């Protein structure tokens, strides 16, 4: 699959796919006549990378996770990276819930608007 088709299938940009290859998040993709040709395995790996990115995992951490997966010896380090990000997200959820509560409280204390004709 060519890069533009892959980008569309992954809901990302061709630029993003080239960038990930350039910085080493993914290995260079096989080329046919000089053009990238994404395999099903490439797309699966990129889906996983994009999912991790959407979860707030940094590209540096994603590179580390990929390197750790290849070794299969360091599940503890993988778990630590993912647990740390889960903790960050839990903190953000807690902050948003507290903020939402304050906003709902403000809404509840607003005076009821006068209905036209009921003065």
C-alpha atoms as a PDB file:
ATOM      1  CA  UNK A   1       0.000   0.000   0.000  1.00  0.00           C
ATOM      2  CA  UNK A   2       1.404   3.402  -0.974  1.00  0.00           C
ATOM      3  CA  UNK A   3       2.009   6.100   1.637  1.00  0.00           C
ATOM      4  CA  UNK A   4      -1.057   8.220   0.826  1.00  0.00           C
ATOM      5  CA  UNK A   5      -3.317   5.167   1.010  1.00  0.00           C
ATOM      6  CA  UNK A   6      -1.687   4.099   4.277  1.00  0.00           C
ATOM      7  CA  UNK A   7      -2.075   7.581   5.745  1.00  0.00           C
ATOM      8  CA  UNK A   8      -5.747   7.631   4.800  1.00  0.00           C
ATOM      9  CA  UNK A   9      -6.328   4.158   6.240  1.00  0.00           C
ATOM     10  CA  UNK A  10      -4.628   5.229   9.482  1.00  0.00           C
ATOM     11  CA  UNK A  11      -6.395   8.616   9.668  1.00  0.00           C
ATOM     12  CA  UNK A  12      -3.109  10.468   9.727  1.00  0.00           C
ATOM     13  CA  UNK A  13      -0.897  12.284   7.249  1.00  0.00           C
ATOM     14  CA  UNK A  14       1.791  11.036   4.909  1.00  0.00           C
ATOM     15  CA  UNK A  15       4.055  13.606   6.588  1.00  0.00           C
ATOM     16  CA  UNK A  16       3.524  11.866   9.949  1.00  0.00           C
ATOM     17  CA  UNK A  17       4.431   8.483   8.479  1.00  0.00           C
ATOM     18  CA  UNK A  18       7.600   9.883   6.890  1.00  0.00           C
ATOM     19  CA  UNK A  19       8.502  11.662  10.134  1.00  0.00           C
ATOM     20  CA  UNK A  20       8.100   8.513  12.233  1.00  0.00           C
ATOM     21  CA  UNK A  21      10.412   6.708   9.842  1.00  0.00           C
ATOM     22  CA  UNK A  22      12.896   9.607   9.826  1.00  0.00           C
ATOM     23  CA  UNK A  23      13.205   9.744  13.629  1.00  0.00           C
ATOM     24  CA  UNK A  24      13.342   5.972  13.979  1.00  0.00           C
ATOM     25  CA  UNK A  25       9.988   5.294  15.595  1.00  0.00           C
ATOM     26  CA  UNK A  26       9.433   2.786  12.794  1.00  0.00           C
ATOM     27  CA  UNK A  27      11.996   0.971  10.695  1.00  0.00           C
ATOM     28  CA  UNK A  28      12.338   2.097   7.089  1.00  0.00           C
ATOM     29  CA  UNK A  29       9.443   0.761   5.059  1.00  0.00           C
ATOM     30  CA  UNK A  30      10.143  -1.512   2.095  1.00  0.00           C
ATOM     31  CA  UNK A  31      10.212   0.313  -1.199  1.00  0.00           C
ATOM     32  CA  UNK A  32       9.025  -0.714  -4.633  1.00  0.00           C
ATOM     33  CA  UNK A  33      10.464   1.410  -7.465  1.00  0.00           C
ATOM     34  CA  UNK A  34      11.617   3.877  -4.804  1.00  0.00           C
ATOM     35  CA  UNK A  35       8.162   4.338  -3.276  1.00  0.00           C
ATOM     36  CA  UNK A  36       7.207   3.175   0.202  1.00  0.00           C
ATOM     37  CA  UNK A  37       5.053   0.049   0.160  1.00  0.00           C
ATOM     38  CA  UNK A  38       3.307  -0.517   3.494  1.00  0.00           C
ATOM     39  CA  UNK A  39       2.526  -4.103   4.432  1.00  0.00           C
ATOM     40  CA  UNK A  40      -0.268  -5.254   6.746  1.00  0.00           C
ATOM     41  CA  UNK A  41       2.358  -5.680   9.485  1.00  0.00           C
ATOM     42  CA  UNK A  42       3.562  -2.092   8.928  1.00  0.00           C
ATOM     43  CA  UNK A  43       0.000  -0.810   9.224  1.00  0.00           C
ATOM     44  CA  UNK A  44      -0.597  -2.814  12.407  1.00  0.00           C
ATOM     45  CA  UNK A  45       2.548  -1.431  13.998  1.00  0.00           C
ATOM     46  CA  UNK A  46       1.608   2.105  12.971  1.00  0.00           C
ATOM     47  CA  UNK A  47      -1.925   1.667  14.374  1.00  0.00           C
ATOM     48  CA  UNK A  48      -0.378   0.658  17.691  1.00  0.00           C
ATOM     49  CA  UNK A  49       2.008   3.637  17.610  1.00  0.00           C
ATOM     50  CA  UNK A  50      -0.779   6.082  16.755  1.00  0.00           C
ATOM     51  CA  UNK A  51      -2.939   4.610  19.514  1.00  0.00           C
ATOM     52  CA  UNK A  52      -0.148   5.066  22.053  1.00  0.00           C
ATOM     53  CA  UNK A  53       0.378   8.632  20.826  1.00  0.00           C
ATOM     54  CA  UNK A  54      -3.354   9.310  21.197  1.00  0.00           C
ATOM     55  CA  UNK A  55      -3.079   8.018  24.766  1.00  0.00           C
ATOM     56  CA  UNK A  56      -0.454  10.677  25.452  1.00  0.00           C
ATOM     57  CA  UNK A  57       2.626   8.479  25.295  1.00  0.00           C
ATOM     58  CA  UNK A  58       5.529  10.517  23.906  1.00  0.00           C
ATOM     59  CA  UNK A  59       7.394   9.480  20.774  1.00  0.00           C
ATOM     60  CA  UNK A  60      10.532   8.920  22.864  1.00  0.00           C
ATOM     61  CA  UNK A  61       8.574   6.584  25.146  1.00  0.00           C
ATOM     62  CA  UNK A  62       7.035   4.828  22.121  1.00  0.00           C
ATOM     63  CA  UNK A  63      10.527   4.231  20.692  1.00  0.00           C
ATOM     64  CA  UNK A  64      11.581   2.798  24.036  1.00  0.00           C
ATOM     65  CA  UNK A  65       8.497   0.567  24.207  1.00  0.00           C
ATOM     66  CA  UNK A  66       9.214  -0.778  20.726  1.00  0.00           C
ATOM     67  CA  UNK A  67      12.827  -1.477  21.655  1.00  0.00           C
ATOM     68  CA  UNK A  68      11.695  -3.211  24.839  1.00  0.00           C
ATOM     69  CA  UNK A  69       9.136  -5.300  22.947  1.00  0.00           C
ATOM     70  CA  UNK A  70      11.864  -6.565  20.679  1.00  0.00           C
ATOM     71  CA  UNK A  71      13.875  -7.738  23.695  1.00  0.00           C
ATOM     72  CA  UNK A  72      10.850  -9.307  25.452  1.00  0.00           C
ATOM     73  CA  UNK A  73      12.990  -9.356  28.606  1.00  0.00           C
ATOM     74  CA  UNK A  74      11.842  -6.084  30.068  1.00  0.00           C
ATOM     75  CA  UNK A  75       8.119  -6.298  30.730  1.00  0.00           C
ATOM     76  CA  UNK A  76       8.651  -4.328  33.937  1.00  0.00           C
ATOM     77  CA  UNK A  77       9.962  -1.304  32.028  1.00  0.00           C
ATOM     78  CA  UNK A  78       7.088  -1.541  29.529  1.00  0.00           C
ATOM     79  CA  UNK A  79       4.578  -1.713  32.357  1.00  0.00           C
ATOM     80  CA  UNK A  80       6.228   1.278  34.063  1.00  0.00           C
ATOM     81  CA  UNK A  81       5.927   3.479  30.953  1.00  0.00           C
ATOM     82  CA  UNK A  82       2.281   2.580  30.427  1.00  0.00           C
ATOM     83  CA  UNK A  83       1.390   2.820  34.127  1.00  0.00           C
ATOM     84  CA  UNK A  84       2.982   6.262  34.376  1.00  0.00           C
ATOM     85  CA  UNK A  85       0.894   7.490  31.449  1.00  0.00           C
ATOM     86  CA  UNK A  86      -2.249   5.931  32.933  1.00  0.00           C
ATOM     87  CA  UNK A  87      -1.528   7.795  36.185  1.00  0.00           C
ATOM     88  CA  UNK A  88      -1.178  11.069  34.244  1.00  0.00           C
ATOM     89  CA  UNK A  89      -4.527  10.467  32.559  1.00  0.00           C
ATOM     90  CA  UNK A  90      -6.203   9.610  35.893  1.00  0.00           C
ATOM     91  CA  UNK A  91      -4.893  12.890  37.330  1.00  0.00           C
ATOM     92  CA  UNK A  92      -6.240  14.803  34.328  1.00  0.00           C
ATOM     93  CA  UNK A  93      -9.634  13.099  34.697  1.00  0.00           C
ATOM     94  CA  UNK A  94      -9.732  14.008  38.400  1.00  0.00           C
ATOM     95  CA  UNK A  95      -8.899  17.643  37.593  1.00  0.00           C
ATOM     96  CA  UNK A  96     -11.541  17.773  34.850  1.00  0.00           C
ATOM     97  CA  UNK A  97     -14.187  16.245  37.128  1.00  0.00           C
ATOM     98  CA  UNK A  98     -13.401  18.804  39.821  1.00  0.00           C
ATOM     99  CA  UNK A  99     -13.540  21.628  37.269  1.00  0.00           C
ATOM    100  CA  UNK A 100     -16.817  20.315  35.859  1.00  0.00           C
ATOM    101  CA  UNK A 101     -18.284  20.201  39.362  1.00  0.00           C
ATOM    102  CA  UNK A 102     -17.366  23.855  39.928  1.00  0.00           C
ATOM    103  CA  UNK A 103     -18.906  24.843  36.601  1.00  0.00           C
ATOM    104  CA  UNK A 104     -22.098  22.902  37.289  1.00  0.00           C
ATOM    105  CA  UNK A 105     -22.288  24.577  40.692  1.00  0.00           C
ATOM    106  CA  UNK A 106     -22.063  27.993  39.031  1.00  0.00           C
ATOM    107  CA  UNK A 107     -24.817  27.009  36.597  1.00  0.00           C
ATOM    108  CA  UNK A 108     -27.033  25.795  39.426  1.00  0.00           C
ATOM    109  CA  UNK A 109     -26.697  29.086  41.293  1.00  0.00           C
ATOM    110  CA  UNK A 110     -27.576  31.304  38.328  1.00  0.00           C
ATOM    111  CA  UNK A 111     -30.902  33.065  38.766  1.00  0.00           C
ATOM    112  CA  UNK A 112     -33.708  31.665  36.649  1.00  0.00           C
ATOM    113  CA  UNK A 113     -34.345  33.895  33.632  1.00  0.00           C
ATOM    114  CA  UNK A 114     -37.617  35.778  33.624  1.00  0.00           C
ATOM    115  CA  UNK A 115     -40.029  34.394  31.052  1.00  0.00           C
ATOM    116  CA  UNK A 116     -41.436  37.120  28.779  1.00  0.00           C
ATOM    117  CA  UNK A 117     -44.806  38.297  30.076  1.00  0.00           C
ATOM    118  CA  UNK A 118     -44.324  36.926  33.622  1.00  0.00           C
ATOM    119  CA  UNK A 119     -42.980  40.100  35.286  1.00  0.00           C
END
